[in-house]
Amino acid sequence: MTTAAGQLKKGSFRFPLTESLLLLVAIFWGTSYGLTKSALVYTSVLVFISIRFSITFLCMLPVVIRDFRRGLNKDWKIAIPTGFILSAIFFCEVFGVSQTSASNAAFLISLSVILTAFAELIINKKRVSNTLWLLTVCSVVGVLLLTSNQNIELSLNSGDYFILAAALLRALMVTLTKRFTEGKAITTTTLTSLQSLVVALVAISCALIYLPASQIVIPTSSEFWMTLAYLVVFCTLFAFYVQNYAVRRTSPTRVSLLMGSEPLFGALFAMIWLQESLGVMQLIGGGLILFSVVVTSTKES
């Protein structure tokens, strides 16, 4: 039995579970932008983030308590720094998207893939393979072509700088998560839950400080809560759990590259759900992203 298992493990076929989960995250995130915009009709950005991440934390709390009782979270404090980074990512992305075009945002955020490769080299002292570098560049070029239905401006405005900051923070997030959690006693559930708690507390604090009382209102619309339920379950709880799970088992660059396919699935969602069409350049760009994703998913780490 042991020999057979060893042969299966070393065989040519390996079901890419981690990579498949990351692609699911990219698919869910590809659908999240339009849904987030519809939810923000009913409330402010800070209140929305506060509710979204508070619910995420509460959903995971029973499992976290169980893990603490079992003594599995002795190094729980390492989750706090990455929680603040995640907070900064959300604020930069939200404010950036509100001040720049969707095409600019999609392209600039995709640069996190390349930035992650550099972050791995600088922070974790780990060299990224030439193949992964090539696939990284291929993916970024694909995003550029995919978003070329609108003109990407060479001059950067304040929104573009926010998105660039978010791209850098994404790279730091996955790289530092890898470094902080390596060999540490903390479950992925607790890591994700505490990160969500930090984001919620930061958003609540900012709302209380910067928003007038009239804007701190809990929406009552059923459409809002249905949209929020989808975003919490699939785009927050599942997505960040998978990101933390994956980054502890493979390289941060692979994680970023696979999640960087998000614009492809966003475009497919727009085609299917919104009946939008893609031109030749967009199809070529989508093909390059798909090629990068397939090769990254099936190649050995």
Protein backbone atom coordinates (compact mmCIF):
# COMPACT_ATOMS: atom_id res chain seq x y z
CA MET A 1 0.00 0.00 0.00
CA THR A 2 2.78 2.40 0.91
CA THR A 3 4.64 1.65 -2.32
CA ALA A 4 1.53 2.12 -4.41
CA ALA A 5 0.77 5.40 -2.70
CA GLY A 6 4.32 6.56 -3.29
CA GLN A 7 4.09 5.66 -6.97
CA LEU A 8 0.78 7.51 -7.29
CA LYS A 9 2.31 10.56 -5.66
CA LYS A 10 5.29 10.50 -7.98
CA GLY A 11 3.26 9.61 -11.06
CA SER A 12 2.76 11.81 -14.07
CA PHE A 13 -0.83 12.66 -13.11
CA ARG A 14 -1.53 14.82 -10.10
CA PHE A 15 -4.92 16.34 -9.41
CA PRO A 16 -4.14 20.02 -8.75
CA LEU A 17 -6.41 20.55 -5.74
CA THR A 18 -4.70 23.70 -4.46
CA GLU A 19 -4.54 25.24 -7.92
CA SER A 20 -8.18 24.37 -8.62
CA LEU A 21 -9.26 26.08 -5.40
CA LEU A 22 -7.30 29.21 -6.37
CA LEU A 23 -9.02 29.28 -9.75
CA LEU A 24 -12.37 29.08 -7.98
CA VAL A 25 -11.31 32.14 -5.98
CA ALA A 26 -10.47 33.94 -9.24
CA ILE A 27 -13.89 33.02 -10.63
CA PHE A 28 -15.72 34.30 -7.56
CA TRP A 29 -13.66 37.49 -7.45
CA GLY A 30 -14.36 38.00 -11.15
CA THR A 31 -18.08 38.24 -10.31
CA SER A 32 -17.63 40.37 -7.20
CA TYR A 33 -17.09 43.85 -8.67
CA GLY A 34 -20.56 44.31 -10.12
CA LEU A 35 -22.20 42.80 -7.05
CA THR A 36 -20.19 45.04 -4.73
CA LYS A 37 -21.31 48.10 -6.70
CA SER A 38 -24.93 47.05 -6.36
CA ALA A 39 -24.49 46.57 -2.60
CA LEU A 40 -22.91 50.01 -2.22
CA VAL A 41 -26.12 51.59 -3.48
CA TYR A 42 -27.57 50.87 -0.04
CA THR A 43 -24.70 51.94 2.23
CA SER A 44 -21.26 53.54 2.41
CA VAL A 45 -17.97 51.79 1.69
CA LEU A 46 -16.83 51.75 5.31
CA VAL A 47 -20.13 50.38 6.63
CA PHE A 48 -20.17 47.75 3.88
CA ILE A 49 -16.64 46.56 4.70
CA SER A 50 -17.48 46.59 8.42
CA ILE A 51 -20.53 44.38 7.95
CA ARG A 52 -18.88 42.07 5.42
CA PHE A 53 -15.84 41.25 7.52
CA SER A 54 -17.66 41.21 10.86
CA ILE A 55 -19.97 38.51 9.52
CA THR A 56 -16.99 36.60 8.09
CA PHE A 57 -15.32 36.62 11.51
CA LEU A 58 -18.48 35.53 13.31
CA CYS A 59 -19.05 32.68 10.84
CA MET A 60 -15.62 31.25 11.62
CA LEU A 61 -15.60 31.99 15.35
CA PRO A 62 -16.94 28.60 16.58
CA VAL A 63 -14.17 26.74 14.73
CA VAL A 64 -11.57 29.21 15.98
CA ILE A 65 -12.66 28.72 19.58
CA ARG A 66 -12.43 24.95 19.11
CA ASP A 67 -8.90 25.28 17.67
CA PHE A 68 -7.79 27.44 20.60
CA ARG A 69 -9.15 24.89 23.07
CA ARG A 70 -7.14 22.20 21.30
CA GLY A 71 -3.96 24.25 21.65
CA LEU A 72 -3.50 24.69 17.89
CA ASN A 73 -3.08 28.48 17.88
CA LYS A 74 -0.09 29.24 20.08
CA ASP A 75 1.27 31.64 17.44
CA TRP A 76 -2.04 33.45 16.77
CA LYS A 77 -0.41 36.90 16.99
CA ILE A 78 1.24 36.46 13.57
CA ALA A 79 -2.20 36.97 11.98
CA ILE A 80 -2.42 40.58 13.15
CA PRO A 81 0.14 42.21 10.78
CA THR A 82 -1.35 40.55 7.70
CA GLY A 83 -4.79 41.66 8.88
CA PHE A 84 -3.67 45.29 8.73
CA ILE A 85 -2.20 44.69 5.26
CA LEU A 86 -5.53 43.21 4.14
CA SER A 87 -7.30 46.30 5.50
CA ALA A 88 -5.03 48.55 3.48
CA ILE A 89 -5.60 46.45 0.34
CA PHE A 90 -9.37 46.85 0.57
CA PHE A 91 -9.24 50.58 1.18
CA CYS A 92 -6.78 51.16 -1.69
CA GLU A 93 -8.81 49.03 -4.09
CA VAL A 94 -12.15 50.64 -3.21
CA PHE A 95 -10.89 54.21 -3.40
CA GLY A 96 -8.81 53.40 -6.49
CA VAL A 97 -11.69 51.87 -8.45
CA SER A 98 -13.85 54.88 -7.61
CA GLN A 99 -11.32 57.25 -9.21
CA THR A 100 -10.03 55.38 -12.28
CA SER A 101 -11.36 53.32 -15.17
CA ALA A 102 -12.12 49.62 -14.86
CA SER A 103 -9.51 48.80 -17.53
CA ASN A 104 -6.79 50.74 -15.74
CA ALA A 105 -7.69 49.07 -12.44
CA ALA A 106 -7.69 45.56 -13.93
CA PHE A 107 -4.32 46.02 -15.58
CA LEU A 108 -2.60 47.77 -12.67
CA ILE A 109 -3.83 45.27 -10.07
CA SER A 110 -2.51 42.43 -12.26
CA LEU A 111 1.00 43.82 -11.71
CA SER A 112 0.80 42.23 -8.25
CA VAL A 113 1.83 38.98 -9.98
CA ILE A 114 5.20 40.42 -11.01
CA LEU A 115 5.59 42.29 -7.73
CA THR A 116 5.05 39.04 -5.84
CA ALA A 117 7.93 37.42 -7.71
CA PHE A 118 10.20 40.30 -6.64
CA ALA A 119 8.85 40.16 -3.09
CA GLU A 120 9.65 36.45 -2.89
CA LEU A 121 13.22 37.19 -3.93
CA ILE A 122 13.70 40.13 -1.55
CA ILE A 123 11.70 39.04 1.51
CA ASN A 124 11.84 35.25 1.42
CA LYS A 125 15.21 35.00 -0.40
CA LYS A 126 13.65 32.52 -2.83
CA ARG A 127 14.38 32.69 -6.55
CA VAL A 128 11.42 32.30 -8.90
CA SER A 129 11.97 29.83 -11.76
CA ASN A 130 12.42 31.13 -15.31
CA THR A 131 9.25 29.28 -16.36
CA LEU A 132 7.20 31.02 -13.68
CA TRP A 133 8.66 34.38 -14.67
CA LEU A 134 7.65 33.75 -18.29
CA LEU A 135 4.13 32.74 -17.28
CA THR A 136 3.88 35.79 -15.03
CA VAL A 137 4.77 38.18 -17.86
CA CYS A 138 2.44 36.26 -20.20
CA SER A 139 -0.44 36.70 -17.76
CA VAL A 140 0.15 40.45 -17.35
CA VAL A 141 0.33 40.94 -21.14
CA GLY A 142 -2.91 38.95 -21.40
CA VAL A 143 -4.61 41.27 -18.90
CA LEU A 144 -3.36 44.29 -20.87
CA LEU A 145 -4.88 42.93 -24.10
CA LEU A 146 -8.07 41.80 -22.35
CA THR A 147 -8.69 45.31 -21.01
CA SER A 148 -7.74 47.04 -24.28
CA ASN A 149 -11.38 47.58 -25.26
CA GLN A 150 -10.98 50.77 -23.28
CA ASN A 151 -7.92 52.99 -23.61
CA ILE A 152 -5.39 52.43 -20.84
CA GLU A 153 -3.94 55.82 -20.06
CA LEU A 154 -0.20 56.20 -19.71
CA SER A 155 -0.63 59.11 -17.29
CA LEU A 156 -1.54 58.04 -13.77
CA ASN A 157 -4.11 59.79 -11.60
CA SER A 158 -4.70 59.41 -7.86
CA GLY A 159 -6.97 56.40 -8.42
CA ASP A 160 -4.27 54.63 -10.41
CA TYR A 161 -1.77 55.19 -7.60
CA PHE A 162 -4.23 53.66 -5.14
CA ILE A 163 -4.54 50.58 -7.37
CA LEU A 164 -0.75 50.33 -7.71
CA ALA A 165 -0.49 50.51 -3.92
CA ALA A 166 -3.08 47.72 -3.68
CA ALA A 167 -1.05 45.62 -6.14
CA LEU A 168 2.08 46.07 -4.02
CA LEU A 169 0.15 45.27 -0.85
CA ARG A 170 -1.28 42.10 -2.43
CA ALA A 171 2.27 40.99 -3.18
CA LEU A 172 3.35 41.73 0.39
CA MET A 173 0.25 39.98 1.75
CA VAL A 174 0.92 36.57 0.20
CA THR A 175 4.70 36.79 0.66
CA LEU A 176 4.59 37.81 4.32
CA THR A 177 1.83 35.30 5.06
CA LYS A 178 4.16 32.60 3.76
CA ARG A 179 7.03 33.89 5.88
CA PHE A 180 5.07 34.49 9.08
CA THR A 181 3.20 31.17 9.07
CA GLU A 182 6.06 28.86 8.12
CA GLY A 183 6.53 26.40 10.98
CA LYS A 184 4.08 28.27 13.22
CA ALA A 185 1.23 26.84 15.30
CA ILE A 186 -1.85 28.50 13.86
CA THR A 187 -4.69 26.95 11.86
CA THR A 188 -5.70 28.42 8.51
CA THR A 189 -9.20 29.01 9.88
CA THR A 190 -7.85 31.09 12.76
CA LEU A 191 -5.49 32.99 10.46
CA THR A 192 -8.35 33.91 8.11
CA SER A 193 -10.73 34.74 10.96
CA LEU A 194 -8.31 37.03 12.79
CA GLN A 195 -7.42 38.82 9.55
CA SER A 196 -11.15 39.42 8.99
CA LEU A 197 -11.52 40.71 12.55
CA VAL A 198 -8.72 43.22 12.04
CA VAL A 199 -10.28 44.47 8.78
CA ALA A 200 -13.68 44.80 10.48
CA LEU A 201 -12.26 46.71 13.46
CA VAL A 202 -10.28 49.07 11.23
CA ALA A 203 -13.34 49.76 9.06
CA ILE A 204 -15.60 50.29 12.10
CA SER A 205 -13.07 52.67 13.67
CA CYS A 206 -12.74 54.68 10.45
CA ALA A 207 -16.53 54.82 10.04
CA LEU A 208 -17.01 56.14 13.58
CA ILE A 209 -14.27 58.74 13.11
CA TYR A 210 -14.92 59.97 9.56
CA LEU A 211 -18.60 59.33 8.79
CA PRO A 212 -21.51 61.43 10.08
CA ALA A 213 -24.00 59.46 12.17
CA SER A 214 -26.60 59.71 9.38
CA GLN A 215 -24.41 57.54 7.11
CA ILE A 216 -23.81 54.78 9.65
CA VAL A 217 -26.97 52.86 8.86
CA ILE A 218 -27.56 49.10 8.58
CA PRO A 219 -29.43 48.46 5.28
CA THR A 220 -32.76 46.62 5.43
CA SER A 221 -33.09 45.73 1.74
CA SER A 222 -33.34 41.99 1.01
CA GLU A 223 -31.33 42.54 -2.20
CA PHE A 224 -28.47 43.97 -0.16
CA TRP A 225 -28.41 41.04 2.25
CA MET A 226 -28.64 38.43 -0.53
CA THR A 227 -25.73 40.10 -2.33
CA LEU A 228 -23.79 40.38 0.91
CA ALA A 229 -24.39 36.70 1.70
CA TYR A 230 -22.83 35.71 -1.63
CA LEU A 231 -19.87 38.04 -1.12
CA VAL A 232 -19.26 36.85 2.44
CA VAL A 233 -19.49 33.12 1.72
CA PHE A 234 -17.71 32.91 -1.62
CA CYS A 235 -15.64 36.10 -2.08
CA THR A 236 -14.46 36.60 1.51
CA LEU A 237 -14.70 33.54 3.74
CA PHE A 238 -13.91 30.95 1.07
CA ALA A 239 -11.54 33.16 -0.92
CA PHE A 240 -9.26 34.28 1.89
CA TYR A 241 -9.27 30.86 3.52
CA VAL A 242 -8.11 29.33 0.22
CA GLN A 243 -5.48 32.06 -0.23
CA ASN A 244 -4.04 31.36 3.21
CA TYR A 245 -4.33 27.60 2.70
CA ALA A 246 -2.58 27.75 -0.67
CA VAL A 247 0.22 30.12 0.27
CA ARG A 248 1.24 27.76 3.09
CA ARG A 249 1.53 24.88 0.60
CA THR A 250 3.00 26.44 -2.53
CA SER A 251 4.90 29.55 -3.57
CA PRO A 252 3.38 33.04 -3.25
CA THR A 253 4.11 33.71 -6.94
CA ARG A 254 2.06 30.68 -8.01
CA VAL A 255 -0.78 31.83 -5.75
CA SER A 256 -0.72 35.36 -7.20
CA LEU A 257 -0.48 34.10 -10.76
CA LEU A 258 -3.52 31.86 -10.45
CA MET A 259 -5.59 34.44 -8.58
CA GLY A 260 -4.40 37.00 -11.12
CA SER A 261 -6.62 35.27 -13.71
CA GLU A 262 -9.51 37.15 -12.09
CA PRO A 263 -9.94 39.61 -15.04
CA LEU A 264 -10.44 36.65 -17.41
CA PHE A 265 -13.32 35.29 -15.36
CA GLY A 266 -14.70 38.79 -14.91
CA ALA A 267 -14.80 39.16 -18.70
CA LEU A 268 -16.46 35.74 -19.12
CA PHE A 269 -19.02 36.70 -16.48
CA ALA A 270 -19.75 39.93 -18.39
CA MET A 271 -20.19 37.95 -21.62
CA ILE A 272 -22.54 35.37 -20.12
CA TRP A 273 -24.48 37.47 -17.62
CA LEU A 274 -24.40 40.91 -19.21
CA GLN A 275 -24.31 39.81 -22.88
CA GLU A 276 -21.16 41.83 -23.52
CA SER A 277 -18.91 40.89 -26.45
CA LEU A 278 -15.12 40.63 -26.76
CA GLY A 279 -13.01 41.69 -29.72
CA VAL A 280 -10.08 39.85 -31.24
CA MET A 281 -7.49 41.52 -28.97
CA GLN A 282 -9.54 40.70 -25.87
CA LEU A 283 -9.86 37.06 -26.96
CA ILE A 284 -6.10 36.83 -27.50
CA GLY A 285 -5.52 38.37 -24.08
CA GLY A 286 -7.93 35.92 -22.49
CA GLY A 287 -6.14 33.08 -24.26
CA LEU A 288 -2.77 34.18 -22.86
CA ILE A 289 -4.17 34.30 -19.33
CA LEU A 290 -5.79 30.90 -19.80
CA PHE A 291 -2.51 29.46 -21.10
CA SER A 292 -0.62 30.82 -18.08
CA VAL A 293 -3.22 29.40 -15.71
CA VAL A 294 -3.27 25.92 -17.29
CA VAL A 295 0.52 25.59 -17.35
CA THR A 296 0.89 26.94 -13.80
CA SER A 297 -1.80 24.56 -12.54
CA THR A 298 -0.24 21.45 -14.06
CA LYS A 299 3.49 22.08 -13.71
CA GLU A 300 5.36 20.85 -10.65
CA SER A 301 6.00 23.39 -7.86
